[in-house]
Protein backbone atom coordinates (compact mmCIF):
# COMPACT_ATOMS: atom_id res chain seq x y z
CA UNK A 1 0.00 0.00 0.00
CA UNK A 2 1.55 3.34 -0.95
CA UNK A 3 1.66 5.77 1.96
CA UNK A 4 -0.05 9.10 1.34
CA UNK A 5 -1.16 12.06 3.41
CA UNK A 6 -4.80 11.02 3.08
CA UNK A 7 -4.35 7.40 4.20
CA UNK A 8 -1.79 8.03 6.97
CA UNK A 9 -3.10 7.61 10.52
CA UNK A 10 -0.97 8.88 13.41
CA UNK A 11 -1.36 6.59 16.43
CA UNK A 12 -0.76 8.64 19.57
CA UNK A 13 -0.88 6.22 22.48
CA UNK A 14 1.12 4.84 25.41
CA UNK A 15 3.95 2.43 24.65
CA UNK A 16 4.11 0.59 27.97
CA UNK A 17 3.73 -3.17 28.23
CA UNK A 18 0.25 -2.97 29.80
CA UNK A 19 -1.10 -0.98 26.81
CA UNK A 20 0.61 -3.18 24.21
CA UNK A 21 -2.47 -5.33 23.42
CA UNK A 22 -4.48 -2.22 22.51
CA UNK A 23 -1.65 -0.70 20.48
CA UNK A 24 -1.22 -3.83 18.36
CA UNK A 25 -4.99 -4.17 17.88
CA UNK A 26 -5.35 -0.54 16.78
CA UNK A 27 -2.43 -0.86 14.34
CA UNK A 28 -4.06 -3.96 12.84
CA UNK A 29 -7.44 -2.25 12.55
CA UNK A 30 -5.91 0.71 10.73
CA UNK A 31 -4.23 -1.57 8.20
CA UNK A 32 -7.30 -3.80 7.81
CA UNK A 33 -9.46 -0.77 7.04
CA UNK A 34 -7.14 0.16 4.17
CA UNK A 35 -5.18 2.90 5.91
CA UNK A 36 -1.52 3.29 6.90
CA UNK A 37 -0.60 3.52 10.62
CA UNK A 38 2.16 5.90 11.67
CA UNK A 39 3.92 5.86 15.02
CA UNK A 40 6.87 7.49 16.75
CA UNK A 41 8.22 3.91 17.01
CA UNK A 42 8.44 3.45 13.24
CA UNK A 43 12.05 4.72 13.00
CA UNK A 44 14.82 3.95 15.46
CA UNK A 45 17.08 6.95 15.02
CA UNK A 46 18.87 8.24 18.11
CA UNK A 47 20.17 11.22 16.14
CA UNK A 48 16.65 12.58 15.66
CA UNK A 49 14.97 14.43 18.52
CA UNK A 50 11.73 12.63 19.42
CA UNK A 51 9.53 15.72 19.23
CA UNK A 52 10.85 16.47 15.72
CA UNK A 53 9.95 12.94 14.66
CA UNK A 54 6.43 13.40 16.00
CA UNK A 55 6.09 16.77 14.26
CA UNK A 56 7.01 15.14 10.93
CA UNK A 57 4.49 12.34 11.41
CA UNK A 58 1.71 14.77 12.33
CA UNK A 59 2.55 16.90 9.30
CA UNK A 60 2.36 13.84 7.03
CA UNK A 61 -0.86 12.38 8.49
CA UNK A 62 -4.37 13.60 7.75
CA UNK A 63 -5.90 11.29 10.36
CA UNK A 64 -5.08 10.35 13.93
CA UNK A 65 -6.06 8.09 16.81
CA UNK A 66 -5.33 9.75 20.15
CA UNK A 67 -5.59 7.67 23.33
CA UNK A 68 -5.38 9.87 26.44
CA UNK A 69 -6.09 7.08 28.92
CA UNK A 70 -2.62 7.08 30.52
CA UNK A 71 -2.57 10.28 32.55
CA UNK A 72 -2.60 8.78 36.04
CA UNK A 73 0.22 9.50 38.50
CA UNK A 74 3.38 7.47 38.00
CA UNK A 75 4.03 5.10 40.92
CA UNK A 76 7.68 6.14 41.25
CA UNK A 77 7.65 9.94 40.94
CA UNK A 78 3.92 10.62 41.52
CA UNK A 79 3.65 12.81 38.44
CA UNK A 80 1.18 12.49 35.55
CA UNK A 81 2.14 11.40 32.04
CA UNK A 82 1.17 14.12 29.57
CA UNK A 83 2.84 12.99 26.33
CA UNK A 84 -0.45 11.91 24.78
CA UNK A 85 -2.38 15.13 25.59
CA UNK A 86 0.63 17.12 24.34
CA UNK A 87 0.64 15.30 20.99
CA UNK A 88 -3.13 15.70 20.74
CA UNK A 89 -2.63 19.43 21.20
CA UNK A 90 0.03 19.48 18.48
CA UNK A 91 -2.35 17.72 16.08
CA UNK A 92 -5.21 20.11 16.87
CA UNK A 93 -2.83 23.06 16.46
CA UNK A 94 -1.75 21.80 13.04
CA UNK A 95 -5.40 21.53 12.04
CA UNK A 96 -6.26 24.99 13.34
CA UNK A 97 -3.25 26.95 12.12
CA UNK A 98 -1.83 24.90 9.26
CA UNK A 99 -2.32 25.33 5.56
CA UNK A 100 -5.14 24.03 3.41
CA UNK A 101 -4.12 20.36 3.62
CA UNK A 102 -3.57 20.50 7.39
CA UNK A 103 -7.05 21.93 7.94
CA UNK A 104 -8.47 18.72 6.45
CA UNK A 105 -7.22 16.72 9.42
CA UNK A 106 -9.61 14.55 11.45
CA UNK A 107 -9.12 12.52 14.62
CA UNK A 108 -10.71 10.23 17.12
CA UNK A 109 -9.94 10.67 20.82
CA UNK A 110 -10.09 7.60 23.04
CA UNK A 111 -10.08 7.27 26.80
CA UNK A 112 -10.69 4.50 29.26
CA UNK A 113 -13.91 6.15 30.40
CA UNK A 114 -15.85 8.52 28.15
CA UNK A 115 -16.12 11.51 30.50
CA UNK A 116 -12.95 11.07 32.58
CA UNK A 117 -11.06 13.63 30.46
CA UNK A 118 -13.19 16.45 31.92
CA UNK A 119 -11.19 16.11 35.15
CA UNK A 120 -7.74 16.71 33.61
CA UNK A 121 -8.18 18.29 30.13
CA UNK A 122 -11.50 20.14 30.18
CA UNK A 123 -10.48 22.44 27.32
CA UNK A 124 -11.45 19.73 24.83
CA UNK A 125 -15.01 19.64 26.18
CA UNK A 126 -17.35 19.27 23.22
CA UNK A 127 -15.13 16.71 21.51
CA UNK A 128 -16.76 13.33 20.96
CA UNK A 129 -14.53 11.23 23.21
CA UNK A 130 -14.94 7.49 22.73
CA UNK A 131 -14.42 4.96 25.53
CA UNK A 132 -12.62 1.64 25.02
CA UNK A 133 -12.73 0.58 28.68
CA UNK A 134 -9.26 -0.91 28.34
CA UNK A 135 -10.62 -3.54 25.94
CA UNK A 136 -8.79 -4.08 22.64
CA UNK A 137 -11.90 -5.35 20.83
CA UNK A 138 -13.80 -2.18 21.76
CA UNK A 139 -10.83 -0.10 20.59
CA UNK A 140 -10.93 -1.87 17.21
CA UNK A 141 -14.63 -1.08 16.81
CA UNK A 142 -14.06 2.58 17.71
CA UNK A 143 -11.23 2.92 15.21
CA UNK A 144 -13.18 1.10 12.49
CA UNK A 145 -16.17 3.43 12.90
CA UNK A 146 -13.94 6.51 12.74
CA UNK A 147 -12.09 5.35 9.63
CA UNK A 148 -15.36 4.32 7.96
CA UNK A 149 -16.44 7.95 8.24
CA UNK A 150 -13.24 9.02 6.44
CA UNK A 151 -13.49 6.64 3.46
CA UNK A 152 -14.18 7.85 -0.05
CA UNK A 153 -17.81 7.95 -1.19
CA UNK A 154 -19.04 4.48 -2.06
CA UNK A 155 -16.48 2.65 0.09
CA UNK A 156 -18.09 0.55 2.84
CA UNK A 157 -15.91 -1.12 5.45
CA UNK A 158 -16.83 -4.42 7.13
CA UNK A 159 -18.35 -4.04 10.56
CA UNK A 160 -16.26 -3.87 13.70
CA UNK A 161 -17.20 -7.42 14.70
CA UNK A 162 -15.68 -8.74 11.46
CA UNK A 163 -12.43 -6.90 12.01
CA UNK A 164 -12.29 -8.17 15.60
CA UNK A 165 -12.75 -11.70 14.27
CA UNK A 166 -9.96 -11.18 11.72
CA UNK A 167 -7.66 -9.84 14.42
CA UNK A 168 -8.18 -13.00 16.46
CA UNK A 169 -7.19 -15.00 13.39
CA UNK A 170 -4.11 -12.82 12.91
CA UNK A 171 -3.06 -13.34 16.55
CA UNK A 172 -2.82 -17.08 15.95
CA UNK A 173 -0.58 -16.46 12.94
CA UNK A 174 1.37 -13.83 14.90
CA UNK A 175 2.32 -16.26 17.66
CA UNK A 176 3.57 -18.86 15.19
CA UNK A 177 5.43 -16.29 13.07
CA UNK A 178 7.16 -14.85 16.11
CA UNK A 179 8.35 -18.28 17.22
CA UNK A 180 9.75 -19.01 13.75
CA UNK A 181 11.54 -15.65 13.62
CA UNK A 182 12.69 -15.91 17.27
CA UNK A 183 10.84 -12.71 18.17
CA UNK A 184 9.72 -11.95 21.72
CA UNK A 185 5.98 -11.43 21.22
CA UNK A 186 5.91 -8.89 24.07
CA UNK A 187 8.51 -6.61 22.50
CA UNK A 188 8.19 -6.93 18.73
CA UNK A 189 9.27 -3.69 17.08
CA UNK A 190 6.70 -1.58 15.28
CA UNK A 191 8.35 -2.25 11.92
CA UNK A 192 8.31 -6.01 12.50
CA UNK A 193 4.70 -5.86 13.70
CA UNK A 194 3.74 -3.90 10.56
CA UNK A 195 5.56 -6.40 8.34
CA UNK A 196 3.71 -9.31 9.96
CA UNK A 197 0.35 -7.57 9.64
CA UNK A 198 0.92 -6.69 5.98
CA UNK A 199 2.11 -10.22 5.23
CA UNK A 200 -1.01 -11.71 6.77
CA UNK A 201 -3.30 -9.27 5.00
CA UNK A 202 -1.80 -10.14 1.64
CA UNK A 203 -3.00 -13.73 2.05
CA UNK A 204 -6.22 -12.84 3.88
CA UNK A 205 -7.72 -9.89 1.98
CA UNK A 206 -11.09 -8.52 3.03
């Protein structure tokens, strides 16, 4: 699939081990819906400042999935984690103040609970925040519905239940493929994950 501005989807989410099942499910859903997921993890380049990498991805992506569910206090330093709200703000700023193409941006904002954001980021009140409840299948359905609204006229995506079913099938393949390649399933790189998803989709088209 050629990557373009219109089909690129910036995934702004936590990268910790506990969130990993949702991250992998969302990446799969984006690919399965015919779009191209982008992530700060896609390039391992220590010479590039992380915020510059994120700016480039936001600039090159018309769409985005923002998950702001990880803002609780860290157990070690008792401070909140604001990377995701920061990157959401950068995306909204690009849409508001960018050029013609940037103003075409669209996004879905996810949280664990639908109205929890009002307690820590009330300035986005009025946005249609979607709740995944920490469940990867619900996250897939939310992402599918958002991307369906961004498809060209006449394009109809399969329902969320079908994509959830396909993801379960992919997970079986994923486990076997990781064993064969000697990958640790809990720490597969984004590029390797993407390669496995694309490989599976080529033999299991919708």
